[in-house]
Amino acid sequence: MRGLVLALMLLVTPAWAVQPDEILSDPVLEQRARNLSKGLRCLVCRNESIDESNASLARDLRILLRERLVAGDSDTQAVGYIVDRYGEYVLLNPPATGSTWLLWGAGPLMLLLAGGASLLYVRGRAHAKTPDQTPLSAEEQTRLDKILNG
């Protein structure tokens, strides 16, 4: 019974990939490192933070981040150092500035364009002229009956 409860608790809690040899001895610095690493993307796993990823590159980034904090960098300086080396893509939530404006605006812009195209299509269908429905001539009806009935 205890084993089942433990297994369920492990499933509910987040699984961190931080190895014991990476953890800093100063709990304040370690907490800062954890908070910062939650906002950095694993470049291998794509939508996983480096705190959650088991990839070796994520481990390297966690160690690099901790080295910068131990060296005395502020949170902004430590993250800035990593962004300078790996680009803004390393941020899980990049700021809406510079080159990321296109990324932030592309979704709403595409939604507006699709809505406008749909509206034009529906309005065009509503105002479209229906073709004249003249009945078939006797000759055409005979020919159609011959084709359908073999």
Protein backbone atom coordinates (compact mmCIF):
# COMPACT_ATOMS: atom_id res chain seq x y z
CA MET A 1 0.00 0.00 0.00
CA ARG A 2 2.83 2.40 0.88
CA GLY A 3 4.52 1.65 -2.43
CA LEU A 4 1.34 2.55 -4.32
CA VAL A 5 1.00 5.84 -2.45
CA LEU A 6 4.65 6.68 -3.14
CA ALA A 7 4.26 5.85 -6.83
CA LEU A 8 1.18 8.08 -7.09
CA MET A 9 3.00 10.92 -5.34
CA LEU A 10 5.86 10.65 -7.82
CA LEU A 11 3.41 10.84 -10.71
CA VAL A 12 1.77 13.97 -9.33
CA THR A 13 4.91 15.93 -8.50
CA PRO A 14 6.98 17.37 -11.34
CA ALA A 15 9.99 15.34 -12.33
CA TRP A 16 13.05 17.57 -12.24
CA ALA A 17 16.10 16.50 -14.15
CA VAL A 18 18.57 18.38 -11.96
CA GLN A 19 21.25 15.95 -10.82
CA PRO A 20 22.57 15.97 -7.24
CA ASP A 21 26.05 17.01 -8.41
CA GLU A 22 24.55 20.15 -10.04
CA ILE A 23 22.84 21.45 -6.91
CA LEU A 24 24.55 24.42 -5.31
CA SER A 25 25.42 24.36 -1.63
CA ASP A 26 23.91 27.83 -1.09
CA PRO A 27 20.11 27.33 -0.97
CA VAL A 28 19.43 30.95 -2.02
CA LEU A 29 21.57 30.61 -5.14
CA GLU A 30 20.06 27.21 -5.88
CA GLN A 31 16.54 28.64 -5.66
CA ARG A 32 17.52 31.48 -8.01
CA ALA A 33 18.98 28.94 -10.43
CA ARG A 34 15.78 26.86 -10.31
CA ASN A 35 13.60 29.91 -10.91
CA LEU A 36 15.70 31.05 -13.86
CA SER A 37 16.05 27.60 -15.42
CA LYS A 38 12.25 27.24 -15.55
CA GLY A 39 12.23 30.07 -18.09
CA LEU A 40 14.99 28.66 -20.30
CA ARG A 41 14.14 26.27 -23.14
CA CYS A 42 15.96 23.01 -23.72
CA LEU A 43 17.26 23.35 -27.26
CA VAL A 44 16.95 19.59 -27.79
CA CYS A 45 13.49 18.99 -26.30
CA ARG A 46 12.01 22.24 -27.64
CA ASN A 47 9.09 22.92 -25.26
CA GLU A 48 10.66 21.71 -22.06
CA SER A 49 12.57 23.87 -19.65
CA ILE A 50 16.17 23.01 -18.90
CA ASP A 51 15.03 22.26 -15.35
CA GLU A 52 12.79 19.44 -16.64
CA SER A 53 14.95 18.07 -19.45
CA ASN A 54 17.34 15.13 -19.20
CA ALA A 55 19.21 16.10 -22.37
CA SER A 56 22.94 16.64 -22.02
CA LEU A 57 22.69 20.13 -23.53
CA ALA A 58 20.10 21.05 -20.88
CA ARG A 59 22.50 19.80 -18.22
CA ASP A 60 25.26 21.96 -19.72
CA LEU A 61 22.95 24.99 -19.64
CA ARG A 62 21.98 24.31 -16.01
CA ILE A 63 25.64 24.10 -15.04
CA LEU A 64 26.48 27.26 -17.03
CA LEU A 65 23.64 29.14 -15.36
CA ARG A 66 24.81 28.06 -11.91
CA GLU A 67 28.41 29.02 -12.73
CA ARG A 68 27.26 32.52 -13.71
CA LEU A 69 25.26 32.90 -10.49
CA VAL A 70 28.20 31.72 -8.37
CA ALA A 71 30.41 34.21 -10.22
CA GLY A 72 28.14 36.97 -8.94
CA ASP A 73 25.94 37.70 -11.95
CA SER A 74 22.47 39.08 -11.35
CA ASP A 75 19.51 37.11 -12.69
CA THR A 76 19.32 39.39 -15.72
CA GLN A 77 23.04 39.12 -16.42
CA ALA A 78 23.04 35.31 -16.12
CA VAL A 79 20.09 34.89 -18.48
CA GLY A 80 21.52 37.55 -20.80
CA TYR A 81 24.80 35.62 -21.01
CA ILE A 82 22.95 32.48 -22.11
CA VAL A 83 20.76 34.41 -24.56
CA ASP A 84 23.88 36.02 -26.06
CA ARG A 85 25.35 32.57 -26.67
CA TYR A 86 22.21 30.72 -27.85
CA GLY A 87 19.84 33.44 -29.09
CA GLU A 88 16.36 34.45 -27.93
CA TYR A 89 15.05 31.00 -28.89
CA VAL A 90 16.45 29.71 -25.59
CA LEU A 91 13.79 31.73 -23.74
CA LEU A 92 10.52 29.86 -23.17
CA ASN A 93 8.65 33.18 -23.11
CA PRO A 94 10.59 35.63 -25.32
CA PRO A 95 9.85 39.33 -24.91
CA ALA A 96 7.71 40.99 -27.59
CA THR A 97 10.49 43.18 -28.95
CA GLY A 98 12.56 43.37 -32.10
CA SER A 99 12.49 40.21 -34.16
CA THR A 100 9.87 38.52 -32.00
CA TRP A 101 7.12 41.01 -32.92
CA LEU A 102 6.46 38.96 -36.03
CA LEU A 103 6.14 35.79 -33.96
CA TRP A 104 3.83 37.42 -31.42
CA GLY A 105 1.67 39.03 -34.11
CA ALA A 106 1.53 36.16 -36.60
CA GLY A 107 -1.14 34.18 -34.74
CA PRO A 108 -3.69 36.98 -34.34
CA LEU A 109 -2.92 38.26 -37.84
CA MET A 110 -3.56 34.85 -39.39
CA LEU A 111 -6.80 34.54 -37.39
CA LEU A 112 -8.00 37.91 -38.70
CA LEU A 113 -7.05 37.02 -42.27
CA ALA A 114 -8.85 33.67 -42.09
CA GLY A 115 -11.94 35.32 -40.57
CA GLY A 116 -11.97 37.97 -43.29
CA ALA A 117 -11.57 35.38 -46.04
CA SER A 118 -14.39 33.30 -44.54
CA LEU A 119 -16.66 36.35 -44.32
CA LEU A 120 -15.97 37.27 -47.96
CA TYR A 121 -16.65 33.69 -49.07
CA VAL A 122 -19.96 33.48 -47.19
CA ARG A 123 -21.11 36.90 -48.43
CA GLY A 124 -20.13 35.97 -51.99
CA ARG A 125 -22.13 32.75 -51.79
CA ALA A 126 -25.18 34.57 -50.44
CA HIS A 127 -25.17 37.12 -53.27
CA ALA A 128 -24.22 34.71 -56.06
CA LYS A 129 -26.71 34.35 -58.87
CA THR A 130 -28.25 30.94 -59.16
CA PRO A 131 -28.15 29.51 -62.65
CA ASP A 132 -31.42 29.46 -64.52
CA GLN A 133 -33.15 26.16 -64.05
CA THR A 134 -34.85 25.63 -67.37
CA PRO A 135 -36.53 22.24 -67.73
CA LEU A 136 -35.09 19.69 -70.10
CA SER A 137 -36.51 19.50 -73.57
CA ALA A 138 -38.35 16.33 -74.57
CA GLU A 139 -35.35 15.19 -76.61
CA GLU A 140 -32.94 15.78 -73.68
CA GLN A 141 -35.26 13.97 -71.26
CA THR A 142 -35.50 10.96 -73.61
CA ARG A 143 -31.74 10.86 -74.00
CA LEU A 144 -31.25 11.09 -70.20
CA ASP A 145 -33.74 8.29 -69.57
CA LYS A 146 -31.92 6.16 -72.14
CA ILE A 147 -28.57 6.77 -70.41
CA LEU A 148 -29.92 6.09 -66.91
CA ASN A 149 -31.99 3.03 -67.75
CA GLY A 150 -29.44 1.50 -70.06
